[in-house]
Amino acid sequence: SPYIVNAGLSYNNSEKEFNMNLIYNVFGNRIFGIGDAQFATLYEMNRNTIDFTLSKKMKDDMEFKIGITDILNAPVRFNEDSNKNFK
């Protein structure tokens, strides 16, 4: 990928032993499969993802944790470089 961006927001309340995290990720188009004279190079196209986790400590060293991954549910797309111009 020509670029990768990872960013996160976190909230932690130590008094109530409560924690939330929101993570964002995006990457530029990247090579998925290298082509040759017969087959074109295959690229995975850029995609945004957001993940969320929530955790709460309970009594007796127990912890409740829930998470949602890929909230945006963006499609995974692939493109072939059929004219072999590397774009």
PDB file of N, CA and C in Angstrom:
ATOM      1  N   SER A   1       0.836  -1.191   0.000  1.00  0.00           N
ATOM      2  CA  SER A   1       0.000   0.000   0.000  1.00  0.00           C
ATOM      3  C   SER A   1       0.871   1.241   0.000  1.00  0.00           C
ATOM      4  N   PRO A   2       0.480   2.262  -0.745  1.00  0.00           N
ATOM      5  CA  PRO A   2       1.232   3.507  -0.691  1.00  0.00           C
ATOM      6  C   PRO A   2       0.982   4.264   0.622  1.00  0.00           C
ATOM      7  N   TYR A   3      -0.105   3.946   1.317  1.00  0.00           N
ATOM      8  CA  TYR A   3      -0.361   4.577   2.616  1.00  0.00           C
ATOM      9  C   TYR A   3      -1.213   3.651   3.485  1.00  0.00           C
ATOM     10  N   ILE A   4      -1.052   3.807   4.778  1.00  0.00           N
ATOM     11  CA  ILE A   4      -1.867   3.118   5.786  1.00  0.00           C
ATOM     12  C   ILE A   4      -2.138   4.132   6.888  1.00  0.00           C
ATOM     13  N   VAL A   5      -3.394   4.245   7.315  1.00  0.00           N
ATOM     14  CA  VAL A   5      -3.748   5.150   8.404  1.00  0.00           C
ATOM     15  C   VAL A   5      -4.460   4.337   9.482  1.00  0.00           C
ATOM     16  N   ASN A   6      -3.943   4.435  10.697  1.00  0.00           N
ATOM     17  CA  ASN A   6      -4.582   3.833  11.867  1.00  0.00           C
ATOM     18  C   ASN A   6      -4.787   4.943  12.888  1.00  0.00           C
ATOM     19  N   ALA A   7      -5.988   5.056  13.424  1.00  0.00           N
ATOM     20  CA  ALA A   7      -6.278   6.062  14.439  1.00  0.00           C
ATOM     21  C   ALA A   7      -7.214   5.449  15.474  1.00  0.00           C
ATOM     22  N   GLY A   8      -7.106   5.909  16.683  1.00  0.00           N
ATOM     23  CA  GLY A   8      -7.958   5.361  17.726  1.00  0.00           C
ATOM     24  C   GLY A   8      -8.357   6.397  18.754  1.00  0.00           C
ATOM     25  N   LEU A   9      -9.538   6.192  19.306  1.00  0.00           N
ATOM     26  CA  LEU A   9     -10.025   6.978  20.429  1.00  0.00           C
ATOM     27  C   LEU A   9     -10.278   6.014  21.572  1.00  0.00           C
ATOM     28  N   SER A  10      -9.877   6.421  22.756  1.00  0.00           N
ATOM     29  CA  SER A  10     -10.042   5.544  23.904  1.00  0.00           C
ATOM     30  C   SER A  10     -10.585   6.346  25.084  1.00  0.00           C
ATOM     31  N   TYR A  11     -11.465   5.716  25.843  1.00  0.00           N
ATOM     32  CA  TYR A  11     -11.988   6.313  27.067  1.00  0.00           C
ATOM     33  C   TYR A  11     -11.810   5.286  28.174  1.00  0.00           C
ATOM     34  N   ASN A  12     -11.224   5.710  29.289  1.00  0.00           N
ATOM     35  CA  ASN A  12     -10.990   4.806  30.404  1.00  0.00           C
ATOM     36  C   ASN A  12     -11.425   5.486  31.696  1.00  0.00           C
ATOM     37  N   ASN A  13     -12.352   4.864  32.415  1.00  0.00           N
ATOM     38  CA  ASN A  13     -12.782   5.359  33.713  1.00  0.00           C
ATOM     39  C   ASN A  13     -12.290   4.359  34.751  1.00  0.00           C
ATOM     40  N   SER A  14     -11.150   4.653  35.369  1.00  0.00           N
ATOM     41  CA  SER A  14     -10.548   3.708  36.311  1.00  0.00           C
ATOM     42  C   SER A  14     -11.374   3.546  37.588  1.00  0.00           C
ATOM     43  N   GLU A  15     -12.119   4.579  37.955  1.00  0.00           N
ATOM     44  CA  GLU A  15     -12.962   4.487  39.157  1.00  0.00           C
ATOM     45  C   GLU A  15     -14.064   3.445  38.977  1.00  0.00           C
ATOM     46  N   LYS A  16     -14.692   3.449  37.804  1.00  0.00           N
ATOM     47  CA  LYS A  16     -15.768   2.486  37.515  1.00  0.00           C
ATOM     48  C   LYS A  16     -15.262   1.262  36.759  1.00  0.00           C
ATOM     49  N   GLU A  17     -13.950   1.223  36.483  1.00  0.00           N
ATOM     50  CA  GLU A  17     -13.318   0.117  35.754  1.00  0.00           C
ATOM     51  C   GLU A  17     -14.038  -0.165  34.439  1.00  0.00           C
ATOM     52  N   PHE A  18     -14.203   0.888  33.659  1.00  0.00           N
ATOM     53  CA  PHE A  18     -14.933   0.868  32.395  1.00  0.00           C
ATOM     54  C   PHE A  18     -14.011   1.395  31.295  1.00  0.00           C
ATOM     55  N   ASN A  19     -14.036   0.766  30.124  1.00  0.00           N
ATOM     56  CA  ASN A  19     -13.152   1.155  29.043  1.00  0.00           C
ATOM     57  C   ASN A  19     -13.864   1.032  27.697  1.00  0.00           C
ATOM     58  N   MET A  20     -13.676   2.033  26.808  1.00  0.00           N
ATOM     59  CA  MET A  20     -14.223   1.989  25.442  1.00  0.00           C
ATOM     60  C   MET A  20     -13.102   2.337  24.469  1.00  0.00           C
ATOM     61  N   ASN A  21     -13.106   1.679  23.297  1.00  0.00           N
ATOM     62  CA  ASN A  21     -12.128   1.959  22.257  1.00  0.00           C
ATOM     63  C   ASN A  21     -12.822   2.006  20.904  1.00  0.00           C
ATOM     64  N   LEU A  22     -12.426   2.967  20.089  1.00  0.00           N
ATOM     65  CA  LEU A  22     -12.911   3.087  18.725  1.00  0.00           C
ATOM     66  C   LEU A  22     -11.674   3.195  17.835  1.00  0.00           C
ATOM     67  N   ILE A  23     -11.522   2.249  16.889  1.00  0.00           N
ATOM     68  CA  ILE A  23     -10.337   2.170  16.046  1.00  0.00           C
ATOM     69  C   ILE A  23     -10.735   2.346  14.584  1.00  0.00           C
ATOM     70  N   TYR A  24     -10.004   3.201  13.865  1.00  0.00           N
ATOM     71  CA  TYR A  24     -10.233   3.447  12.441  1.00  0.00           C
ATOM     72  C   TYR A  24      -8.999   3.009  11.657  1.00  0.00           C
ATOM     73  N   ASN A  25      -9.217   2.368  10.507  1.00  0.00           N
ATOM     74  CA  ASN A  25      -8.124   1.925   9.656  1.00  0.00           C
ATOM     75  C   ASN A  25      -8.498   2.113   8.194  1.00  0.00           C
ATOM     76  N   VAL A  26      -7.549   2.583   7.401  1.00  0.00           N
ATOM     77  CA  VAL A  26      -7.716   2.651   5.946  1.00  0.00           C
ATOM     78  C   VAL A  26      -6.350   2.370   5.331  1.00  0.00           C
ATOM     79  N   PHE A  27      -6.341   1.723   4.180  1.00  0.00           N
ATOM     80  CA  PHE A  27      -5.093   1.477   3.458  1.00  0.00           C
ATOM     81  C   PHE A  27      -5.317   1.809   1.995  1.00  0.00           C
ATOM     82  N   GLY A  28      -4.236   2.145   1.311  1.00  0.00           N
ATOM     83  CA  GLY A  28      -4.308   2.415  -0.119  1.00  0.00           C
ATOM     84  C   GLY A  28      -4.379   1.119  -0.908  1.00  0.00           C
ATOM     85  N   ASN A  29      -4.680   1.232  -2.179  1.00  0.00           N
ATOM     86  CA  ASN A  29      -4.745   0.051  -3.031  1.00  0.00           C
ATOM     87  C   ASN A  29      -3.435  -0.727  -2.904  1.00  0.00           C
ATOM     88  N   ARG A  30      -3.554  -2.051  -2.775  1.00  0.00           N
ATOM     89  CA  ARG A  30      -2.352  -2.857  -2.591  1.00  0.00           C
ATOM     90  C   ARG A  30      -2.384  -4.088  -3.490  1.00  0.00           C
ATOM     91  N   ILE A  31      -1.204  -4.569  -3.789  1.00  0.00           N
ATOM     92  CA  ILE A  31      -1.089  -5.741  -4.656  1.00  0.00           C
ATOM     93  C   ILE A  31      -1.578  -6.962  -3.893  1.00  0.00           C
ATOM     94  N   PHE A  32      -2.487  -7.693  -4.513  1.00  0.00           N
ATOM     95  CA  PHE A  32      -3.013  -8.924  -3.931  1.00  0.00           C
ATOM     96  C   PHE A  32      -2.358 -10.140  -4.587  1.00  0.00           C
ATOM     97  N   GLY A  33      -2.150 -10.051  -5.893  1.00  0.00           N
ATOM     98  CA  GLY A  33      -1.503 -11.127  -6.633  1.00  0.00           C
ATOM     99  C   GLY A  33      -0.677 -10.558  -7.766  1.00  0.00           C
ATOM    100  N   ILE A  34       0.589 -10.960  -7.850  1.00  0.00           N
ATOM    101  CA  ILE A  34       1.484 -10.443  -8.874  1.00  0.00           C
ATOM    102  C   ILE A  34       1.223 -11.156 -10.192  1.00  0.00           C
ATOM    103  N   GLY A  35       1.070 -10.370 -11.247  1.00  0.00           N
ATOM    104  CA  GLY A  35       0.821 -10.925 -12.570  1.00  0.00           C
ATOM    105  C   GLY A  35       2.113 -11.262 -13.296  1.00  0.00           C
ATOM    106  N   ASP A  36       1.940 -11.793 -14.482  1.00  0.00           N
ATOM    107  CA  ASP A  36       3.078 -12.098 -15.353  1.00  0.00           C
ATOM    108  C   ASP A  36       2.663 -11.817 -16.791  1.00  0.00           C
ATOM    109  N   ALA A  37       3.361 -12.372 -17.748  1.00  0.00           N
ATOM    110  CA  ALA A  37       3.049 -12.112 -19.154  1.00  0.00           C
ATOM    111  C   ALA A  37       1.660 -12.609 -19.540  1.00  0.00           C
ATOM    112  N   GLN A  38       1.177 -13.630 -18.854  1.00  0.00           N
ATOM    113  CA  GLN A  38      -0.120 -14.216 -19.198  1.00  0.00           C
ATOM    114  C   GLN A  38      -1.270 -13.666 -18.360  1.00  0.00           C
ATOM    115  N   PHE A  39      -1.026 -13.381 -17.083  1.00  0.00           N
ATOM    116  CA  PHE A  39      -2.085 -12.948 -16.167  1.00  0.00           C
ATOM    117  C   PHE A  39      -1.794 -11.553 -15.624  1.00  0.00           C
ATOM    118  N   ALA A  40      -2.840 -10.770 -15.472  1.00  0.00           N
ATOM    119  CA  ALA A  40      -2.703  -9.395 -14.967  1.00  0.00           C
ATOM    120  C   ALA A  40      -2.490  -9.392 -13.459  1.00  0.00           C
ATOM    121  N   THR A  41      -1.842  -8.329 -12.973  1.00  0.00           N
ATOM    122  CA  THR A  41      -1.683  -8.142 -11.537  1.00  0.00           C
ATOM    123  C   THR A  41      -3.048  -7.835 -10.934  1.00  0.00           C
ATOM    124  N   LEU A  42      -3.308  -8.376  -9.754  1.00  0.00           N
ATOM    125  CA  LEU A  42      -4.585  -8.199  -9.072  1.00  0.00           C
ATOM    126  C   LEU A  42      -4.368  -7.290  -7.862  1.00  0.00           C
ATOM    127  N   TYR A  43      -5.170  -6.222  -7.771  1.00  0.00           N
ATOM    128  CA  TYR A  43      -5.070  -5.255  -6.673  1.00  0.00           C
ATOM    129  C   TYR A  43      -6.289  -5.347  -5.763  1.00  0.00           C
ATOM    130  N   GLU A  44      -6.042  -5.275  -4.447  1.00  0.00           N
ATOM    131  CA  GLU A  44      -7.130  -5.104  -3.484  1.00  0.00           C
ATOM    132  C   GLU A  44      -7.322  -3.598  -3.334  1.00  0.00           C
ATOM    133  N   MET A  45      -8.538  -3.129  -3.539  1.00  0.00           N
ATOM    134  CA  MET A  45      -8.818  -1.693  -3.510  1.00  0.00           C
ATOM    135  C   MET A  45      -8.957  -1.204  -2.062  1.00  0.00           C
ATOM    136  N   ASN A  46      -8.696   0.099  -1.883  1.00  0.00           N
ATOM    137  CA  ASN A  46      -8.733   0.667  -0.529  1.00  0.00           C
ATOM    138  C   ASN A  46     -10.098   0.463   0.134  1.00  0.00           C
ATOM    139  N   ARG A  47     -10.054   0.422   1.469  1.00  0.00           N
ATOM    140  CA  ARG A  47     -11.270   0.137   2.235  1.00  0.00           C
ATOM    141  C   ARG A  47     -11.124   0.732   3.630  1.00  0.00           C
ATOM    142  N   ASN A  48     -12.191   1.337   4.126  1.00  0.00           N
ATOM    143  CA  ASN A  48     -12.229   1.904   5.486  1.00  0.00           C
ATOM    144  C   ASN A  48     -12.859   0.898   6.436  1.00  0.00           C
ATOM    145  N   THR A  49     -12.277   0.764   7.626  1.00  0.00           N
ATOM    146  CA  THR A  49     -12.875  -0.089   8.658  1.00  0.00           C
ATOM    147  C   THR A  49     -12.903   0.655   9.989  1.00  0.00           C
ATOM    148  N   ILE A  50     -13.922   0.365  10.779  1.00  0.00           N
ATOM    149  CA  ILE A  50     -14.044   0.899  12.134  1.00  0.00           C
ATOM    150  C   ILE A  50     -14.388  -0.265  13.062  1.00  0.00           C
ATOM    151  N   ASP A  51     -13.662  -0.368  14.166  1.00  0.00           N
ATOM    152  CA  ASP A  51     -13.905  -1.393  15.183  1.00  0.00           C
ATOM    153  C   ASP A  51     -14.203  -0.705  16.514  1.00  0.00           C
ATOM    154  N   PHE A  52     -15.040  -1.340  17.323  1.00  0.00           N
ATOM    155  CA  PHE A  52     -15.438  -0.779  18.618  1.00  0.00           C
ATOM    156  C   PHE A  52     -15.365  -1.874  19.675  1.00  0.00           C
ATOM    157  N   THR A  53     -14.781  -1.566  20.831  1.00  0.00           N
ATOM    158  CA  THR A  53     -14.772  -2.506  21.956  1.00  0.00           C
ATOM    159  C   THR A  53     -15.193  -1.778  23.227  1.00  0.00           C
ATOM    160  N   LEU A  54     -15.838  -2.512  24.084  1.00  0.00           N
ATOM    161  CA  LEU A  54     -16.330  -2.010  25.359  1.00  0.00           C
ATOM    162  C   LEU A  54     -15.994  -3.066  26.400  1.00  0.00           C
ATOM    163  N   SER A  55     -15.418  -2.659  27.517  1.00  0.00           N
ATOM    164  CA  SER A  55     -15.113  -3.622  28.574  1.00  0.00           C
ATOM    165  C   SER A  55     -15.431  -3.024  29.939  1.00  0.00           C
ATOM    166  N   LYS A  56     -15.828  -3.899  30.848  1.00  0.00           N
ATOM    167  CA  LYS A  56     -16.183  -3.494  32.213  1.00  0.00           C
ATOM    168  C   LYS A  56     -15.703  -4.578  33.157  1.00  0.00           C
ATOM    169  N   LYS A  57     -14.884  -4.186  34.123  1.00  0.00           N
ATOM    170  CA  LYS A  57     -14.442  -5.144  35.128  1.00  0.00           C
ATOM    171  C   LYS A  57     -15.566  -5.387  36.113  1.00  0.00           C
ATOM    172  N   MET A  58     -15.768  -6.647  36.437  1.00  0.00           N
ATOM    173  CA  MET A  58     -16.783  -7.038  37.407  1.00  0.00           C
ATOM    174  C   MET A  58     -16.069  -7.473  38.690  1.00  0.00           C
ATOM    175  N   LYS A  59     -16.811  -7.882  39.666  1.00  0.00           N
ATOM    176  CA  LYS A  59     -16.182  -8.349  40.905  1.00  0.00           C
ATOM    177  C   LYS A  59     -15.514  -9.708  40.693  1.00  0.00           C
ATOM    178  N   ASP A  60     -14.664 -10.078  41.600  1.00  0.00           N
ATOM    179  CA  ASP A  60     -13.964 -11.370  41.573  1.00  0.00           C
ATOM    180  C   ASP A  60     -13.115 -11.558  40.321  1.00  0.00           C
ATOM    181  N   ASP A  61     -12.436 -10.513  39.886  1.00  0.00           N
ATOM    182  CA  ASP A  61     -11.520 -10.585  38.738  1.00  0.00           C
ATOM    183  C   ASP A  61     -12.174 -11.048  37.445  1.00  0.00           C
ATOM    184  N   MET A  62     -13.449 -10.787  37.294  1.00  0.00           N
ATOM    185  CA  MET A  62     -14.139 -11.095  36.043  1.00  0.00           C
ATOM    186  C   MET A  62     -14.234  -9.816  35.214  1.00  0.00           C
ATOM    187  N   GLU A  63     -14.274  -9.987  33.901  1.00  0.00           N
ATOM    188  CA  GLU A  63     -14.390  -8.844  33.010  1.00  0.00           C
ATOM    189  C   GLU A  63     -15.401  -9.165  31.909  1.00  0.00           C
ATOM    190  N   PHE A  64     -16.298  -8.216  31.665  1.00  0.00           N
ATOM    191  CA  PHE A  64     -17.269  -8.323  30.576  1.00  0.00           C
ATOM    192  C   PHE A  64     -16.708  -7.533  29.403  1.00  0.00           C
ATOM    193  N   LYS A  65     -16.660  -8.145  28.227  1.00  0.00           N
ATOM    194  CA  LYS A  65     -16.096  -7.470  27.063  1.00  0.00           C
ATOM    195  C   LYS A  65     -16.940  -7.788  25.836  1.00  0.00           C
ATOM    196  N   ILE A  66     -17.199  -6.742  25.037  1.00  0.00           N
ATOM    197  CA  ILE A  66     -17.949  -6.922  23.794  1.00  0.00           C
ATOM    198  C   ILE A  66     -17.263  -6.090  22.717  1.00  0.00           C
ATOM    199  N   GLY A  67     -17.290  -6.592  21.501  1.00  0.00           N
ATOM    200  CA  GLY A  67     -16.647  -5.874  20.411  1.00  0.00           C
ATOM    201  C   GLY A  67     -17.417  -6.031  19.111  1.00  0.00           C
ATOM    202  N   ILE A  68     -17.337  -5.021  18.289  1.00  0.00           N
ATOM    203  CA  ILE A  68     -17.931  -5.049  16.950  1.00  0.00           C
ATOM    204  C   ILE A  68     -16.807  -4.718  15.979  1.00  0.00           C
ATOM    205  N   THR A  69     -16.574  -5.594  15.010  1.00  0.00           N
ATOM    206  CA  THR A  69     -15.535  -5.335  14.025  1.00  0.00           C
ATOM    207  C   THR A  69     -16.159  -4.981  12.682  1.00  0.00           C
ATOM    208  N   ASP A  70     -15.469  -4.181  11.932  1.00  0.00           N
ATOM    209  CA  ASP A  70     -15.869  -3.756  10.588  1.00  0.00           C
ATOM    210  C   ASP A  70     -17.297  -3.201  10.569  1.00  0.00           C
ATOM    211  N   ILE A  71     -17.534  -2.199  11.387  1.00  0.00           N
ATOM    212  CA  ILE A  71     -18.860  -1.591  11.522  1.00  0.00           C
ATOM    213  C   ILE A  71     -19.391  -1.081  10.176  1.00  0.00           C
ATOM    214  N   LEU A  72     -18.522  -0.530   9.337  1.00  0.00           N
ATOM    215  CA  LEU A  72     -18.950   0.016   8.052  1.00  0.00           C
ATOM    216  C   LEU A  72     -19.314  -1.072   7.039  1.00  0.00           C
ATOM    217  N   ASN A  73     -18.812  -2.273   7.259  1.00  0.00           N
ATOM    218  CA  ASN A  73     -19.080  -3.405   6.361  1.00  0.00           C
ATOM    219  C   ASN A  73     -18.819  -3.041   4.895  1.00  0.00           C
ATOM    220  N   ALA A  74     -17.714  -2.350   4.674  1.00  0.00           N
ATOM    221  CA  ALA A  74     -17.345  -1.944   3.308  1.00  0.00           C
ATOM    222  C   ALA A  74     -17.001  -3.192   2.487  1.00  0.00           C
ATOM    223  N   PRO A  75     -17.404  -3.218   1.233  1.00  0.00           N
ATOM    224  CA  PRO A  75     -17.120  -4.396   0.410  1.00  0.00           C
ATOM    225  C   PRO A  75     -15.626  -4.527   0.121  1.00  0.00           C
ATOM    226  N   VAL A  76     -15.165  -5.761   0.033  1.00  0.00           N
ATOM    227  CA  VAL A  76     -13.799  -6.029  -0.384  1.00  0.00           C
ATOM    228  C   VAL A  76     -13.822  -6.112  -1.905  1.00  0.00           C
ATOM    229  N   ARG A  77     -13.052  -5.227  -2.551  1.00  0.00           N
ATOM    230  CA  ARG A  77     -13.062  -5.168  -4.020  1.00  0.00           C
ATOM    231  C   ARG A  77     -11.664  -5.433  -4.561  1.00  0.00           C
ATOM    232  N   PHE A  78     -11.635  -6.115  -5.703  1.00  0.00           N
ATOM    233  CA  PHE A  78     -10.385  -6.405  -6.382  1.00  0.00           C
ATOM    234  C   PHE A  78     -10.480  -5.911  -7.817  1.00  0.00           C
ATOM    235  N   ASN A  79      -9.378  -5.385  -8.345  1.00  0.00           N
ATOM    236  CA  ASN A  79      -9.310  -4.956  -9.739  1.00  0.00           C
ATOM    237  C   ASN A  79      -8.091  -5.583 -10.393  1.00  0.00           C
ATOM    238  N   GLU A  80      -8.245  -5.924 -11.670  1.00  0.00           N
ATOM    239  CA  GLU A  80      -7.127  -6.446 -12.447  1.00  0.00           C
ATOM    240  C   GLU A  80      -6.483  -5.313 -13.230  1.00  0.00           C
ATOM    241  N   ASP A  81      -5.171  -5.368 -13.336  1.00  0.00           N
ATOM    242  CA  ASP A  81      -4.440  -4.426 -14.177  1.00  0.00           C
ATOM    243  C   ASP A  81      -4.346  -5.015 -15.586  1.00  0.00           C
ATOM    244  N   SER A  82      -5.483  -5.052 -16.257  1.00  0.00           N
ATOM    245  CA  SER A  82      -5.571  -5.751 -17.541  1.00  0.00           C
ATOM    246  C   SER A  82      -4.767  -5.087 -18.648  1.00  0.00           C
ATOM    247  N   ASN A  83      -4.539  -3.763 -18.570  1.00  0.00           N
ATOM    248  CA  ASN A  83      -3.724  -3.110 -19.604  1.00  0.00           C
ATOM    249  C   ASN A  83      -2.260  -2.998 -19.194  1.00  0.00           C
ATOM    250  N   LYS A  84      -1.929  -3.555 -18.017  1.00  0.00           N
ATOM    251  CA  LYS A  84      -0.559  -3.650 -17.494  1.00  0.00           C
ATOM    252  C   LYS A  84       0.162  -2.302 -17.408  1.00  0.00           C
ATOM    253  N   ASN A  85      -0.577  -1.266 -16.946  1.00  0.00           N
ATOM    254  CA  ASN A  85       0.030   0.052 -16.745  1.00  0.00           C
ATOM    255  C   ASN A  85       0.372   0.298 -15.275  1.00  0.00           C
ATOM    256  N   PHE A  86       0.228  -0.714 -14.433  1.00  0.00           N
ATOM    257  CA  PHE A  86       0.537  -0.668 -12.999  1.00  0.00           C
ATOM    258  C   PHE A  86      -0.330   0.320 -12.236  1.00  0.00           C
ATOM    259  N   LYS A  87      -1.548   0.557 -12.722  1.00  0.00           N
ATOM    260  CA  LYS A  87      -2.487   1.450 -12.021  1.00  0.00           C
ATOM    261  C   LYS A  87      -3.774   0.708 -11.770  1.00  0.00           C
TER     262      LYS A  87
END
